[in-house]
């Protein structure tokens, strides 16, 4: 009986070990220009390939493009730079811009000035302090990126982000810069701030705590819905880059946008994918 019980306990222990999350590595991988932070799977995981487009292909966002590139270039050179919040209209290239800027910086970087892009998912914001401790001990410079960042009612993980950006004893490591994208300028839904204002003992202080999060990003870049001319410029840039020849390109692009009810960089790219598929061309 004792032997059977021992064997059973061993099998249970082995099963629990398999179910337990992997231990987080104490250091970032020595090689690689891009990682995804997955603490449940051991920490920093290589995506293999970053899905990015050439910086020159991003049309209609020239000011935001140039500003973010210059801020990132300074950081890569060891100069002061600001955390950046890219906010605004859906599909206008916020996340594409972050990845394109990272790729362009590394394409032209001098020795020792390459940046490592680390994506952290919105759901892992509470583990941000653990990630920063790992990156702080590394000699490389890291561009920390969170896509579609926002917080809902009763979500307190934004406090971890606030402390990482400016507050806390340790503060943000000098070798880490944070870029976030969001559809909301203040990262909180309007009704959430209104609820705080109506139920708090001191309404202004309650709202101030929520709004102060976005204030900790030194650089705000707004993205707005594009005009028809800007949309067609995006389509032209993609078509030229990928060698897609269509006589009625503009008419078809506008018709495509009409079916979507909007014009944006995302809609332009989806149209180009459809056109490339029709022409039997691959977009590599």
C-alpha atoms as a PDB file:
ATOM      1  CA  UNK A   1       0.000   0.000   0.000  1.00  0.00           C
ATOM      2  CA  UNK A   2       2.802   2.401   0.944  1.00  0.00           C
ATOM      3  CA  UNK A   3       4.503   1.888  -2.412  1.00  0.00           C
ATOM      4  CA  UNK A   4       1.233   2.549  -4.257  1.00  0.00           C
ATOM      5  CA  UNK A   5       0.622   5.712  -2.252  1.00  0.00           C
ATOM      6  CA  UNK A   6       4.165   6.913  -2.908  1.00  0.00           C
ATOM      7  CA  UNK A   7       3.716   6.356  -6.629  1.00  0.00           C
ATOM      8  CA  UNK A   8       0.392   8.212  -6.569  1.00  0.00           C
ATOM      9  CA  UNK A   9       1.914  11.178  -4.743  1.00  0.00           C
ATOM     10  CA  UNK A  10       4.757  11.313  -7.262  1.00  0.00           C
ATOM     11  CA  UNK A  11       2.322  11.375 -10.183  1.00  0.00           C
ATOM     12  CA  UNK A  12       0.280  14.122  -8.509  1.00  0.00           C
ATOM     13  CA  UNK A  13       3.429  16.163  -7.859  1.00  0.00           C
ATOM     14  CA  UNK A  14       4.541  15.724 -11.467  1.00  0.00           C
ATOM     15  CA  UNK A  15       1.119  16.814 -12.723  1.00  0.00           C
ATOM     16  CA  UNK A  16       1.189  19.904 -10.524  1.00  0.00           C
ATOM     17  CA  UNK A  17       4.653  20.806 -11.823  1.00  0.00           C
ATOM     18  CA  UNK A  18       3.378  20.587 -15.382  1.00  0.00           C
ATOM     19  CA  UNK A  19       0.422  22.844 -14.540  1.00  0.00           C
ATOM     20  CA  UNK A  20       2.489  25.405 -12.644  1.00  0.00           C
ATOM     21  CA  UNK A  21       3.690  28.427 -14.632  1.00  0.00           C
ATOM     22  CA  UNK A  22       7.282  28.330 -15.768  1.00  0.00           C
ATOM     23  CA  UNK A  23       9.799  30.119 -13.577  1.00  0.00           C
ATOM     24  CA  UNK A  24      10.620  33.575 -14.904  1.00  0.00           C
ATOM     25  CA  UNK A  25      14.183  33.870 -16.196  1.00  0.00           C
ATOM     26  CA  UNK A  26      16.289  36.284 -14.164  1.00  0.00           C
ATOM     27  CA  UNK A  27      17.781  37.940 -17.250  1.00  0.00           C
ATOM     28  CA  UNK A  28      16.732  38.898 -20.770  1.00  0.00           C
ATOM     29  CA  UNK A  29      17.922  36.628 -23.604  1.00  0.00           C
ATOM     30  CA  UNK A  30      21.348  37.738 -24.808  1.00  0.00           C
ATOM     31  CA  UNK A  31      20.391  37.768 -28.488  1.00  0.00           C
ATOM     32  CA  UNK A  32      17.412  39.226 -30.310  1.00  0.00           C
ATOM     33  CA  UNK A  33      15.930  42.614 -31.176  1.00  0.00           C
ATOM     34  CA  UNK A  34      12.349  41.876 -30.156  1.00  0.00           C
ATOM     35  CA  UNK A  35      10.561  39.958 -27.409  1.00  0.00           C
ATOM     36  CA  UNK A  36       7.083  39.487 -25.968  1.00  0.00           C
ATOM     37  CA  UNK A  37       6.699  39.562 -22.192  1.00  0.00           C
ATOM     38  CA  UNK A  38       4.885  36.394 -21.142  1.00  0.00           C
ATOM     39  CA  UNK A  39       5.526  35.800 -17.427  1.00  0.00           C
ATOM     40  CA  UNK A  40       3.356  32.695 -17.460  1.00  0.00           C
ATOM     41  CA  UNK A  41       5.710  31.083 -19.981  1.00  0.00           C
ATOM     42  CA  UNK A  42       9.067  32.013 -18.540  1.00  0.00           C
ATOM     43  CA  UNK A  43       9.373  35.721 -19.236  1.00  0.00           C
ATOM     44  CA  UNK A  44      10.717  37.221 -22.471  1.00  0.00           C
ATOM     45  CA  UNK A  45       9.804  35.139 -25.518  1.00  0.00           C
ATOM     46  CA  UNK A  46      11.119  35.768 -29.035  1.00  0.00           C
ATOM     47  CA  UNK A  47       8.311  36.243 -31.609  1.00  0.00           C
ATOM     48  CA  UNK A  48      10.619  35.008 -34.373  1.00  0.00           C
ATOM     49  CA  UNK A  49       9.630  37.859 -36.680  1.00  0.00           C
ATOM     50  CA  UNK A  50       8.214  41.326 -36.080  1.00  0.00           C
ATOM     51  CA  UNK A  51       5.299  42.193 -38.383  1.00  0.00           C
ATOM     52  CA  UNK A  52       6.330  45.685 -39.463  1.00  0.00           C
ATOM     53  CA  UNK A  53       6.120  47.811 -42.607  1.00  0.00           C
ATOM     54  CA  UNK A  54       8.756  50.247 -43.907  1.00  0.00           C
ATOM     55  CA  UNK A  55       8.503  53.635 -42.213  1.00  0.00           C
ATOM     56  CA  UNK A  56       8.218  55.417 -45.568  1.00  0.00           C
ATOM     57  CA  UNK A  57       4.968  53.570 -46.328  1.00  0.00           C
ATOM     58  CA  UNK A  58       3.100  55.207 -43.448  1.00  0.00           C
ATOM     59  CA  UNK A  59       1.286  58.134 -45.054  1.00  0.00           C
ATOM     60  CA  UNK A  60      -0.979  60.797 -43.583  1.00  0.00           C
ATOM     61  CA  UNK A  61       0.755  60.771 -40.191  1.00  0.00           C
ATOM     62  CA  UNK A  62       3.892  62.699 -41.124  1.00  0.00           C
ATOM     63  CA  UNK A  63       4.089  64.878 -38.021  1.00  0.00           C
ATOM     64  CA  UNK A  64       3.573  61.999 -35.593  1.00  0.00           C
ATOM     65  CA  UNK A  65       6.017  59.860 -37.595  1.00  0.00           C
ATOM     66  CA  UNK A  66       8.791  62.443 -37.528  1.00  0.00           C
ATOM     67  CA  UNK A  67       8.267  63.321 -33.865  1.00  0.00           C
ATOM     68  CA  UNK A  68       8.299  59.715 -32.670  1.00  0.00           C
ATOM     69  CA  UNK A  69      11.306  58.853 -34.819  1.00  0.00           C
ATOM     70  CA  UNK A  70      13.318  61.785 -33.434  1.00  0.00           C
ATOM     71  CA  UNK A  71      12.369  60.913 -29.843  1.00  0.00           C
ATOM     72  CA  UNK A  72      13.406  57.295 -30.420  1.00  0.00           C
ATOM     73  CA  UNK A  73      16.657  58.282 -32.135  1.00  0.00           C
ATOM     74  CA  UNK A  74      17.646  60.350 -29.116  1.00  0.00           C
ATOM     75  CA  UNK A  75      16.905  57.465 -26.781  1.00  0.00           C
ATOM     76  CA  UNK A  76      18.990  55.094 -28.917  1.00  0.00           C
ATOM     77  CA  UNK A  77      21.896  57.546 -28.679  1.00  0.00           C
ATOM     78  CA  UNK A  78      21.665  57.713 -24.903  1.00  0.00           C
ATOM     79  CA  UNK A  79      20.091  61.172 -24.866  1.00  0.00           C
ATOM     80  CA  UNK A  80      17.011  62.241 -22.842  1.00  0.00           C
ATOM     81  CA  UNK A  81      13.703  61.121 -24.378  1.00  0.00           C
ATOM     82  CA  UNK A  82      10.049  60.957 -23.340  1.00  0.00           C
ATOM     83  CA  UNK A  83       7.624  58.103 -22.860  1.00  0.00           C
ATOM     84  CA  UNK A  84       5.013  58.424 -25.611  1.00  0.00           C
ATOM     85  CA  UNK A  85       1.256  57.907 -25.781  1.00  0.00           C
ATOM     86  CA  UNK A  86      -0.131  57.445 -29.297  1.00  0.00           C
ATOM     87  CA  UNK A  87      -3.869  57.977 -29.096  1.00  0.00           C
ATOM     88  CA  UNK A  88      -6.792  58.521 -31.425  1.00  0.00           C
ATOM     89  CA  UNK A  89      -8.695  57.050 -34.342  1.00  0.00           C
ATOM     90  CA  UNK A  90      -8.710  53.318 -34.967  1.00  0.00           C
ATOM     91  CA  UNK A  91      -6.688  51.953 -37.854  1.00  0.00           C
ATOM     92  CA  UNK A  92      -4.560  55.059 -38.412  1.00  0.00           C
ATOM     93  CA  UNK A  93      -1.211  53.359 -37.873  1.00  0.00           C
ATOM     94  CA  UNK A  94      -0.418  53.851 -34.189  1.00  0.00           C
ATOM     95  CA  UNK A  95       0.974  50.378 -33.544  1.00  0.00           C
ATOM     96  CA  UNK A  96       2.432  50.151 -37.059  1.00  0.00           C
ATOM     97  CA  UNK A  97       4.352  53.365 -36.416  1.00  0.00           C
ATOM     98  CA  UNK A  98       5.966  52.061 -33.223  1.00  0.00           C
ATOM     99  CA  UNK A  99       7.186  48.905 -34.948  1.00  0.00           C
ATOM    100  CA  UNK A 100       8.284  50.777 -38.083  1.00  0.00           C
ATOM    101  CA  UNK A 101      10.272  53.321 -36.066  1.00  0.00           C
ATOM    102  CA  UNK A 102      12.002  50.535 -34.141  1.00  0.00           C
ATOM    103  CA  UNK A 103      12.922  48.760 -37.379  1.00  0.00           C
ATOM    104  CA  UNK A 104      14.202  51.964 -39.012  1.00  0.00           C
ATOM    105  CA  UNK A 105      16.304  52.927 -35.984  1.00  0.00           C
ATOM    106  CA  UNK A 106      17.963  49.513 -35.977  1.00  0.00           C
ATOM    107  CA  UNK A 107      18.438  49.534 -39.759  1.00  0.00           C
ATOM    108  CA  UNK A 108      20.557  52.673 -39.537  1.00  0.00           C
ATOM    109  CA  UNK A 109      21.954  52.260 -36.018  1.00  0.00           C
ATOM    110  CA  UNK A 110      25.621  52.556 -35.199  1.00  0.00           C
ATOM    111  CA  UNK A 111      27.319  49.917 -33.083  1.00  0.00           C
ATOM    112  CA  UNK A 112      25.843  49.859 -29.605  1.00  0.00           C
ATOM    113  CA  UNK A 113      22.755  51.888 -30.536  1.00  0.00           C
ATOM    114  CA  UNK A 114      20.371  49.116 -31.520  1.00  0.00           C
ATOM    115  CA  UNK A 115      17.120  48.992 -29.567  1.00  0.00           C
ATOM    116  CA  UNK A 116      15.323  45.941 -28.242  1.00  0.00           C
ATOM    117  CA  UNK A 117      11.534  46.062 -28.660  1.00  0.00           C
ATOM    118  CA  UNK A 118       9.582  44.410 -25.834  1.00  0.00           C
ATOM    119  CA  UNK A 119       5.817  44.052 -26.152  1.00  0.00           C
ATOM    120  CA  UNK A 120       3.803  43.797 -22.958  1.00  0.00           C
ATOM    121  CA  UNK A 121       0.141  42.858 -23.214  1.00  0.00           C
ATOM    122  CA  UNK A 122      -2.476  44.935 -21.487  1.00  0.00           C
ATOM    123  CA  UNK A 123      -3.329  41.963 -19.246  1.00  0.00           C
ATOM    124  CA  UNK A 124       0.249  41.816 -17.915  1.00  0.00           C
ATOM    125  CA  UNK A 125       0.539  45.441 -16.761  1.00  0.00           C
ATOM    126  CA  UNK A 126       0.371  44.338 -13.126  1.00  0.00           C
ATOM    127  CA  UNK A 127       3.623  42.375 -13.670  1.00  0.00           C
ATOM    128  CA  UNK A 128       5.426  45.419 -15.081  1.00  0.00           C
ATOM    129  CA  UNK A 129       7.631  45.893 -11.983  1.00  0.00           C
ATOM    130  CA  UNK A 130       9.011  42.361 -12.445  1.00  0.00           C
ATOM    131  CA  UNK A 131       9.816  43.070 -16.088  1.00  0.00           C
ATOM    132  CA  UNK A 132      11.539  46.363 -15.267  1.00  0.00           C
ATOM    133  CA  UNK A 133      13.773  44.665 -12.713  1.00  0.00           C
ATOM    134  CA  UNK A 134      14.969  42.304 -15.446  1.00  0.00           C
ATOM    135  CA  UNK A 135      15.555  45.073 -17.986  1.00  0.00           C
ATOM    136  CA  UNK A 136      17.247  47.366 -15.475  1.00  0.00           C
ATOM    137  CA  UNK A 137      20.084  44.854 -15.045  1.00  0.00           C
ATOM    138  CA  UNK A 138      20.787  44.714 -18.803  1.00  0.00           C
ATOM    139  CA  UNK A 139      23.233  46.971 -20.643  1.00  0.00           C
ATOM    140  CA  UNK A 140      21.044  47.274 -23.758  1.00  0.00           C
ATOM    141  CA  UNK A 141      18.351  49.894 -24.321  1.00  0.00           C
ATOM    142  CA  UNK A 142      14.740  48.673 -24.403  1.00  0.00           C
ATOM    143  CA  UNK A 143      11.671  50.117 -26.081  1.00  0.00           C
ATOM    144  CA  UNK A 144       8.735  48.816 -24.066  1.00  0.00           C
ATOM    145  CA  UNK A 145       5.529  48.752 -26.101  1.00  0.00           C
ATOM    146  CA  UNK A 146       1.912  48.203 -25.033  1.00  0.00           C
ATOM    147  CA  UNK A 147      -0.744  48.139 -27.744  1.00  0.00           C
ATOM    148  CA  UNK A 148      -4.364  49.173 -27.166  1.00  0.00           C
ATOM    149  CA  UNK A 149      -3.788  50.247 -23.583  1.00  0.00           C
ATOM    150  CA  UNK A 150      -6.878  51.201 -21.595  1.00  0.00           C
ATOM    151  CA  UNK A 151      -8.407  50.565 -18.188  1.00  0.00           C
ATOM    152  CA  UNK A 152     -11.960  49.779 -17.163  1.00  0.00           C
ATOM    153  CA  UNK A 153     -13.923  50.237 -13.986  1.00  0.00           C
ATOM    154  CA  UNK A 154     -12.486  48.505 -10.904  1.00  0.00           C
ATOM    155  CA  UNK A 155      -9.192  47.910 -12.721  1.00  0.00           C
ATOM    156  CA  UNK A 156      -6.347  48.953 -10.418  1.00  0.00           C
ATOM    157  CA  UNK A 157      -3.411  47.721 -12.521  1.00  0.00           C
ATOM    158  CA  UNK A 158      -2.984  51.271 -13.846  1.00  0.00           C
ATOM    159  CA  UNK A 159      -1.286  52.049 -10.521  1.00  0.00           C
ATOM    160  CA  UNK A 160       1.594  49.729 -11.457  1.00  0.00           C
ATOM    161  CA  UNK A 161       1.989  51.649 -14.701  1.00  0.00           C
ATOM    162  CA  UNK A 162       1.937  55.019 -12.913  1.00  0.00           C
ATOM    163  CA  UNK A 163       4.683  53.918 -10.549  1.00  0.00           C
ATOM    164  CA  UNK A 164       6.764  52.518 -13.405  1.00  0.00           C
ATOM    165  CA  UNK A 165       6.502  55.701 -15.469  1.00  0.00           C
ATOM    166  CA  UNK A 166       7.489  58.267 -12.864  1.00  0.00           C
ATOM    167  CA  UNK A 167       6.785  57.245  -9.294  1.00  0.00           C
ATOM    168  CA  UNK A 168       8.122  54.653  -6.889  1.00  0.00           C
ATOM    169  CA  UNK A 169      11.511  54.473  -5.217  1.00  0.00           C
ATOM    170  CA  UNK A 170      13.294  52.981  -8.209  1.00  0.00           C
ATOM    171  CA  UNK A 171      11.404  54.799 -10.966  1.00  0.00           C
ATOM    172  CA  UNK A 172      11.740  53.938 -14.630  1.00  0.00           C
ATOM    173  CA  UNK A 173      15.129  52.439 -15.559  1.00  0.00           C
ATOM    174  CA  UNK A 174      17.282  54.789 -17.629  1.00  0.00           C
ATOM    175  CA  UNK A 175      17.613  52.123 -20.328  1.00  0.00           C
ATOM    176  CA  UNK A 176      13.833  51.684 -20.783  1.00  0.00           C
ATOM    177  CA  UNK A 177      11.366  53.854 -22.695  1.00  0.00           C
ATOM    178  CA  UNK A 178       7.633  53.135 -22.816  1.00  0.00           C
ATOM    179  CA  UNK A 179       5.411  53.638 -25.865  1.00  0.00           C
ATOM    180  CA  UNK A 180       1.688  52.906 -25.584  1.00  0.00           C
ATOM    181  CA  UNK A 181      -1.165  53.121 -28.068  1.00  0.00           C
ATOM    182  CA  UNK A 182      -4.785  53.728 -27.160  1.00  0.00           C
ATOM    183  CA  UNK A 183      -8.057  54.932 -28.633  1.00  0.00           C
ATOM    184  CA  UNK A 184      -8.507  57.022 -25.468  1.00  0.00           C
ATOM    185  CA  UNK A 185      -6.415  60.074 -24.710  1.00  0.00           C
ATOM    186  CA  UNK A 186      -6.787  59.621 -20.938  1.00  0.00           C
ATOM    187  CA  UNK A 187      -6.776  55.800 -21.060  1.00  0.00           C
ATOM    188  CA  UNK A 188     -10.007  55.687 -19.062  1.00  0.00           C
ATOM    189  CA  UNK A 189     -13.561  55.554 -20.459  1.00  0.00           C
ATOM    190  CA  UNK A 190     -15.487  58.803 -20.030  1.00  0.00           C
ATOM    191  CA  UNK A 191     -18.240  57.125 -18.003  1.00  0.00           C
ATOM    192  CA  UNK A 192     -15.634  55.803 -15.586  1.00  0.00           C
ATOM    193  CA  UNK A 193     -14.364  59.298 -14.828  1.00  0.00           C
ATOM    194  CA  UNK A 194     -17.940  60.606 -14.541  1.00  0.00           C
ATOM    195  CA  UNK A 195     -18.782  57.840 -12.063  1.00  0.00           C
ATOM    196  CA  UNK A 196     -15.740  58.776 -10.000  1.00  0.00           C
ATOM    197  CA  UNK A 197     -16.844  62.398 -10.020  1.00  0.00           C
ATOM    198  CA  UNK A 198     -20.389  61.561  -8.857  1.00  0.00           C
ATOM    199  CA  UNK A 199     -19.547  59.044  -6.111  1.00  0.00           C
ATOM    200  CA  UNK A 200     -16.259  60.219  -4.612  1.00  0.00           C
ATOM    201  CA  UNK A 201     -16.055  62.255  -1.417  1.00  0.00           C
ATOM    202  CA  UNK A 202     -13.691  64.590  -3.212  1.00  0.00           C
ATOM    203  CA  UNK A 203     -14.640  64.287  -6.897  1.00  0.00           C
ATOM    204  CA  UNK A 204     -11.805  66.388  -8.303  1.00  0.00           C
ATOM    205  CA  UNK A 205      -9.149  64.314  -6.524  1.00  0.00           C
ATOM    206  CA  UNK A 206     -10.690  61.020  -7.685  1.00  0.00           C
ATOM    207  CA  UNK A 207     -10.730  62.118 -11.315  1.00  0.00           C
ATOM    208  CA  UNK A 208      -7.262  63.641 -11.025  1.00  0.00           C
ATOM    209  CA  UNK A 209      -5.816  60.268 -10.011  1.00  0.00           C
ATOM    210  CA  UNK A 210      -7.162  58.684 -13.198  1.00  0.00           C
ATOM    211  CA  UNK A 211      -6.192  61.528 -15.545  1.00  0.00           C
ATOM    212  CA  UNK A 212      -2.692  61.801 -14.079  1.00  0.00           C
ATOM    213  CA  UNK A 213      -1.777  58.485 -15.690  1.00  0.00           C
ATOM    214  CA  UNK A 214      -1.751  59.881 -19.221  1.00  0.00           C
ATOM    215  CA  UNK A 215       0.022  62.998 -17.929  1.00  0.00           C
ATOM    216  CA  UNK A 216       3.020  60.825 -17.123  1.00  0.00           C
ATOM    217  CA  UNK A 217       3.631  60.306 -20.825  1.00  0.00           C
ATOM    218  CA  UNK A 218       5.787  63.259 -21.802  1.00  0.00           C
ATOM    219  CA  UNK A 219       4.883  62.937 -25.479  1.00  0.00           C
ATOM    220  CA  UNK A 220       1.275  62.824 -26.729  1.00  0.00           C
ATOM    221  CA  UNK A 221       0.728  62.088 -30.412  1.00  0.00           C
ATOM    222  CA  UNK A 222      -2.835  62.356 -31.739  1.00  0.00           C
ATOM    223  CA  UNK A 223      -4.103  60.318 -34.701  1.00  0.00           C
ATOM    224  CA  UNK A 224      -7.244  61.484 -36.483  1.00  0.00           C
ATOM    225  CA  UNK A 225      -9.441  60.146 -39.254  1.00  0.00           C
ATOM    226  CA  UNK A 226      -7.849  60.721 -42.634  1.00  0.00           C
ATOM    227  CA  UNK A 227      -9.213  62.625 -45.615  1.00  0.00           C
ATOM    228  CA  UNK A 228      -9.962  61.003 -48.952  1.00  0.00           C
ATOM    229  CA  UNK A 229      -6.723  62.357 -50.426  1.00  0.00           C
ATOM    230  CA  UNK A 230      -4.693  60.944 -47.529  1.00  0.00           C
ATOM    231  CA  UNK A 231      -6.425  57.589 -47.866  1.00  0.00           C
ATOM    232  CA  UNK A 232      -5.647  57.428 -51.590  1.00  0.00           C
ATOM    233  CA  UNK A 233      -2.030  58.426 -50.885  1.00  0.00           C
ATOM    234  CA  UNK A 234      -1.789  55.411 -48.563  1.00  0.00           C
ATOM    235  CA  UNK A 235      -3.208  53.144 -51.262  1.00  0.00           C
ATOM    236  CA  UNK A 236      -0.801  54.564 -53.875  1.00  0.00           C
ATOM    237  CA  UNK A 237       2.206  54.049 -51.597  1.00  0.00           C
ATOM    238  CA  UNK A 238       1.321  50.421 -50.930  1.00  0.00           C
ATOM    239  CA  UNK A 239       0.514  49.704 -54.585  1.00  0.00           C
ATOM    240  CA  UNK A 240       3.795  51.198 -55.770  1.00  0.00           C
ATOM    241  CA  UNK A 241       5.842  49.420 -53.105  1.00  0.00           C
ATOM    242  CA  UNK A 242       4.383  46.015 -53.937  1.00  0.00           C
ATOM    243  CA  UNK A 243       4.161  46.542 -57.695  1.00  0.00           C
ATOM    244  CA  UNK A 244       0.383  46.304 -58.002  1.00  0.00           C
ATOM    245  CA  UNK A 245      -0.852  47.714 -61.314  1.00  0.00           C
ATOM    246  CA  UNK A 246      -4.584  48.446 -61.466  1.00  0.00           C
ATOM    247  CA  UNK A 247      -6.072  50.912 -63.961  1.00  0.00           C
ATOM    248  CA  UNK A 248      -9.012  51.743 -61.698  1.00  0.00           C
ATOM    249  CA  UNK A 249      -7.033  51.669 -58.456  1.00  0.00           C
ATOM    250  CA  UNK A 250      -8.557  54.797 -56.916  1.00  0.00           C
ATOM    251  CA  UNK A 251     -12.132  53.964 -57.852  1.00  0.00           C
ATOM    252  CA  UNK A 252     -11.822  50.490 -56.406  1.00  0.00           C
ATOM    253  CA  UNK A 253     -10.086  51.769 -53.272  1.00  0.00           C
ATOM    254  CA  UNK A 254     -12.897  54.252 -52.645  1.00  0.00           C
ATOM    255  CA  UNK A 255     -15.526  51.596 -53.236  1.00  0.00           C
ATOM    256  CA  UNK A 256     -13.725  49.342 -50.761  1.00  0.00           C
ATOM    257  CA  UNK A 257     -13.690  52.111 -48.156  1.00  0.00           C
ATOM    258  CA  UNK A 258     -17.402  52.651 -48.782  1.00  0.00           C
ATOM    259  CA  UNK A 259     -18.167  49.077 -47.811  1.00  0.00           C
ATOM    260  CA  UNK A 260     -16.280  49.592 -44.553  1.00  0.00           C
ATOM    261  CA  UNK A 261     -17.834  52.941 -43.743  1.00  0.00           C
ATOM    262  CA  UNK A 262     -14.466  54.523 -43.011  1.00  0.00           C
ATOM    263  CA  UNK A 263     -11.100  55.539 -44.441  1.00  0.00           C
ATOM    264  CA  UNK A 264      -7.911  54.669 -42.581  1.00  0.00           C
ATOM    265  CA  UNK A 265      -4.497  53.134 -43.009  1.00  0.00           C
ATOM    266  CA  UNK A 266      -5.907  49.789 -41.922  1.00  0.00           C
ATOM    267  CA  UNK A 267      -8.658  49.924 -44.538  1.00  0.00           C
ATOM    268  CA  UNK A 268      -6.084  50.872 -47.191  1.00  0.00           C
ATOM    269  CA  UNK A 269      -3.943  47.884 -46.251  1.00  0.00           C
ATOM    270  CA  UNK A 270      -6.921  45.523 -46.300  1.00  0.00           C
ATOM    271  CA  UNK A 271      -7.802  46.768 -49.786  1.00  0.00           C
ATOM    272  CA  UNK A 272      -4.224  46.200 -50.947  1.00  0.00           C
ATOM    273  CA  UNK A 273      -4.285  42.648 -49.598  1.00  0.00           C
ATOM    274  CA  UNK A 274      -7.482  41.974 -51.535  1.00  0.00           C
ATOM    275  CA  UNK A 275      -6.035  43.498 -54.722  1.00  0.00           C
ATOM    276  CA  UNK A 276      -2.796  41.523 -54.370  1.00  0.00           C
ATOM    277  CA  UNK A 277      -4.723  38.307 -53.910  1.00  0.00           C
ATOM    278  CA  UNK A 278      -6.780  39.047 -57.039  1.00  0.00           C
ATOM    279  CA  UNK A 279      -3.586  39.675 -59.034  1.00  0.00           C
ATOM    280  CA  UNK A 280      -1.947  36.534 -57.667  1.00  0.00           C
ATOM    281  CA  UNK A 281       0.847  38.472 -55.957  1.00  0.00           C
ATOM    282  CA  UNK A 282       2.365  37.794 -52.576  1.00  0.00           C
ATOM    283  CA  UNK A 283       3.050  40.564 -50.084  1.00  0.00           C
ATOM    284  CA  UNK A 284       6.367  39.592 -48.516  1.00  0.00           C
END
